[in-house]
Amino acid sequence: MSIYIFLMDTLYLQQRYQYKSFESVTVNRDWIWEDATINILLEQASRALGELNAFSLIVPDNSEVS
């Protein structure tokens, strides 16, 4: 249910020549959270993904070796 509400807030129906299409609203806007700890969790997740990306460059990929 919350996904549906989220989509309805970010899309609107635009009349075209002979059809209608869904257009998205601007993405680059301020986000307001009900709980401020979400910012901390997003920062931690972003840092962990960066570390995982760096680690994947160090470890050799042996999936192609038979």
N, C-alpha and C. Protein backbone atom coordinates (compact mmCIF):
# COMPACT_ATOMS: atom_id res chain seq x y z
N MET A 1 0.82 -1.19 0.00
CA MET A 1 0.00 0.00 0.00
C MET A 1 0.87 1.26 0.00
N SER A 2 1.95 1.27 0.77
CA SER A 2 2.80 2.46 0.81
C SER A 2 3.54 2.67 -0.52
N ILE A 3 3.85 1.60 -1.23
CA ILE A 3 4.50 1.73 -2.53
C ILE A 3 3.55 2.42 -3.51
N TYR A 4 2.29 2.03 -3.46
CA TYR A 4 1.29 2.64 -4.34
C TYR A 4 1.17 4.13 -4.05
N ILE A 5 1.14 4.50 -2.80
CA ILE A 5 1.05 5.91 -2.43
C ILE A 5 2.30 6.65 -2.90
N PHE A 6 3.47 6.03 -2.74
CA PHE A 6 4.71 6.64 -3.18
C PHE A 6 4.69 6.89 -4.69
N LEU A 7 4.20 5.92 -5.46
CA LEU A 7 4.14 6.10 -6.91
C LEU A 7 3.16 7.19 -7.31
N MET A 8 2.05 7.28 -6.60
CA MET A 8 1.07 8.30 -6.94
C MET A 8 1.61 9.70 -6.63
N ASP A 9 2.52 9.83 -5.68
CA ASP A 9 3.12 11.12 -5.36
C ASP A 9 4.19 11.51 -6.37
N THR A 10 4.77 10.56 -7.07
CA THR A 10 5.88 10.85 -7.95
C THR A 10 5.52 10.82 -9.43
N LEU A 11 4.31 10.41 -9.77
CA LEU A 11 3.88 10.35 -11.16
C LEU A 11 2.61 11.18 -11.37
N TYR A 12 2.48 11.73 -12.55
CA TYR A 12 1.24 12.38 -12.91
C TYR A 12 0.92 12.08 -14.37
N LEU A 13 -0.34 12.16 -14.71
CA LEU A 13 -0.81 11.83 -16.04
C LEU A 13 -0.71 13.06 -16.95
N GLN A 14 -0.02 12.92 -18.07
CA GLN A 14 0.21 14.02 -18.99
C GLN A 14 -0.50 13.73 -20.31
N GLN A 15 -1.32 14.65 -20.77
CA GLN A 15 -2.02 14.49 -22.05
C GLN A 15 -1.05 14.75 -23.19
N ARG A 16 -0.97 13.81 -24.10
CA ARG A 16 -0.16 13.95 -25.31
C ARG A 16 -1.09 14.14 -26.50
N TYR A 17 -0.55 14.00 -27.70
CA TYR A 17 -1.35 14.26 -28.89
C TYR A 17 -2.59 13.36 -28.96
N GLN A 18 -2.39 12.05 -29.01
CA GLN A 18 -3.51 11.12 -29.07
C GLN A 18 -3.44 10.07 -27.97
N TYR A 19 -2.71 10.33 -26.95
CA TYR A 19 -2.58 9.37 -25.85
C TYR A 19 -2.20 10.12 -24.58
N LYS A 20 -2.24 9.42 -23.49
CA LYS A 20 -1.79 9.96 -22.20
C LYS A 20 -0.60 9.15 -21.73
N SER A 21 0.30 9.80 -21.04
CA SER A 21 1.47 9.10 -20.52
C SER A 21 1.72 9.53 -19.08
N PHE A 22 2.40 8.66 -18.33
CA PHE A 22 2.79 8.99 -16.97
C PHE A 22 4.13 9.71 -17.01
N GLU A 23 4.20 10.84 -16.36
CA GLU A 23 5.42 11.61 -16.27
C GLU A 23 5.86 11.64 -14.81
N SER A 24 7.14 11.64 -14.57
CA SER A 24 7.64 11.69 -13.20
C SER A 24 7.90 13.13 -12.79
N VAL A 25 7.78 13.38 -11.52
CA VAL A 25 8.11 14.70 -10.98
C VAL A 25 9.61 14.76 -10.78
N THR A 26 10.11 15.93 -10.45
CA THR A 26 11.55 16.07 -10.26
C THR A 26 12.03 15.19 -9.11
N VAL A 27 13.16 14.58 -9.30
CA VAL A 27 13.70 13.67 -8.30
C VAL A 27 14.60 14.42 -7.33
N ASN A 28 15.26 15.43 -7.79
CA ASN A 28 16.23 16.16 -6.98
C ASN A 28 15.51 17.15 -6.08
N ARG A 29 14.94 16.65 -4.99
CA ARG A 29 14.22 17.49 -4.03
C ARG A 29 14.57 17.06 -2.62
N ASP A 30 14.24 17.89 -1.67
CA ASP A 30 14.53 17.57 -0.27
C ASP A 30 13.64 16.44 0.22
N TRP A 31 14.24 15.54 0.98
CA TRP A 31 13.50 14.43 1.57
C TRP A 31 13.31 14.72 3.04
N ILE A 32 12.13 14.48 3.52
CA ILE A 32 11.81 14.69 4.92
C ILE A 32 11.43 13.34 5.52
N TRP A 33 12.18 12.91 6.53
CA TRP A 33 11.92 11.63 7.18
C TRP A 33 11.17 11.87 8.48
N GLU A 34 10.33 10.91 8.84
CA GLU A 34 9.68 10.96 10.13
C GLU A 34 10.66 10.64 11.24
N ASP A 35 11.64 9.80 10.94
CA ASP A 35 12.65 9.39 11.92
C ASP A 35 14.02 9.78 11.39
N ALA A 36 14.75 10.58 12.13
CA ALA A 36 16.05 11.08 11.66
C ALA A 36 17.11 9.99 11.60
N THR A 37 16.89 8.85 12.24
CA THR A 37 17.89 7.78 12.19
C THR A 37 17.99 7.15 10.80
N ILE A 38 17.02 7.43 9.94
CA ILE A 38 17.10 6.92 8.57
C ILE A 38 18.32 7.50 7.86
N ASN A 39 18.65 8.76 8.12
CA ASN A 39 19.85 9.36 7.52
C ASN A 39 21.11 8.62 7.93
N ILE A 40 21.19 8.26 9.21
CA ILE A 40 22.36 7.52 9.70
C ILE A 40 22.44 6.15 9.03
N LEU A 41 21.31 5.47 8.93
CA LEU A 41 21.30 4.15 8.30
C LEU A 41 21.67 4.23 6.83
N LEU A 42 21.20 5.26 6.12
CA LEU A 42 21.56 5.43 4.71
C LEU A 42 23.05 5.70 4.55
N GLU A 43 23.62 6.50 5.44
CA GLU A 43 25.06 6.76 5.38
C GLU A 43 25.85 5.49 5.63
N GLN A 44 25.43 4.69 6.60
CA GLN A 44 26.13 3.43 6.88
C GLN A 44 26.02 2.47 5.71
N ALA A 45 24.85 2.39 5.09
CA ALA A 45 24.67 1.51 3.94
C ALA A 45 25.51 1.97 2.75
N SER A 46 25.57 3.27 2.55
CA SER A 46 26.37 3.81 1.46
C SER A 46 27.85 3.51 1.67
N ARG A 47 28.32 3.68 2.89
CA ARG A 47 29.71 3.38 3.21
C ARG A 47 30.01 1.90 3.02
N ALA A 48 29.10 1.03 3.45
CA ALA A 48 29.30 -0.41 3.30
C ALA A 48 29.35 -0.81 1.83
N LEU A 49 28.50 -0.21 1.01
CA LEU A 49 28.54 -0.50 -0.43
C LEU A 49 29.86 -0.05 -1.06
N GLY A 50 30.36 1.10 -0.62
CA GLY A 50 31.65 1.58 -1.12
C GLY A 50 32.78 0.64 -0.74
N GLU A 51 32.75 0.14 0.50
CA GLU A 51 33.77 -0.82 0.94
C GLU A 51 33.68 -2.12 0.15
N LEU A 52 32.47 -2.58 -0.09
CA LEU A 52 32.28 -3.80 -0.86
C LEU A 52 32.78 -3.62 -2.29
N ASN A 53 32.54 -2.46 -2.87
CA ASN A 53 33.01 -2.18 -4.22
C ASN A 53 34.54 -2.18 -4.26
N ALA A 54 35.16 -1.56 -3.27
CA ALA A 54 36.62 -1.53 -3.22
C ALA A 54 37.18 -2.93 -3.04
N PHE A 55 36.54 -3.74 -2.20
CA PHE A 55 37.00 -5.11 -1.96
C PHE A 55 36.87 -5.95 -3.22
N SER A 56 35.84 -5.70 -4.02
CA SER A 56 35.65 -6.48 -5.25
C SER A 56 36.73 -6.19 -6.28
N LEU A 57 37.38 -5.04 -6.18
CA LEU A 57 38.47 -4.73 -7.09
C LEU A 57 39.75 -5.46 -6.69
N ILE A 58 39.88 -5.78 -5.41
CA ILE A 58 41.08 -6.46 -4.92
C ILE A 58 41.02 -7.97 -5.16
N VAL A 59 39.87 -8.57 -4.91
CA VAL A 59 39.72 -10.01 -5.01
C VAL A 59 39.59 -10.41 -6.48
N PRO A 60 40.40 -11.36 -6.93
CA PRO A 60 40.31 -11.76 -8.35
C PRO A 60 39.01 -12.51 -8.64
N ASP A 61 38.54 -12.37 -9.86
CA ASP A 61 37.31 -13.04 -10.29
C ASP A 61 37.70 -14.37 -10.92
N ASN A 62 37.40 -15.47 -10.23
CA ASN A 62 37.76 -16.81 -10.72
C ASN A 62 36.57 -17.51 -11.33
N SER A 63 35.51 -16.81 -11.64
CA SER A 63 34.32 -17.47 -12.18
C SER A 63 34.54 -17.95 -13.61
N GLU A 64 35.48 -17.36 -14.33
CA GLU A 64 35.72 -17.76 -15.71
C GLU A 64 36.67 -18.94 -15.82
N VAL A 65 37.32 -19.31 -14.73
CA VAL A 65 38.27 -20.44 -14.74
C VAL A 65 37.48 -21.73 -14.62
N SER A 66 37.76 -22.69 -15.50
CA SER A 66 37.04 -23.96 -15.48
C SER A 66 37.63 -24.93 -14.49
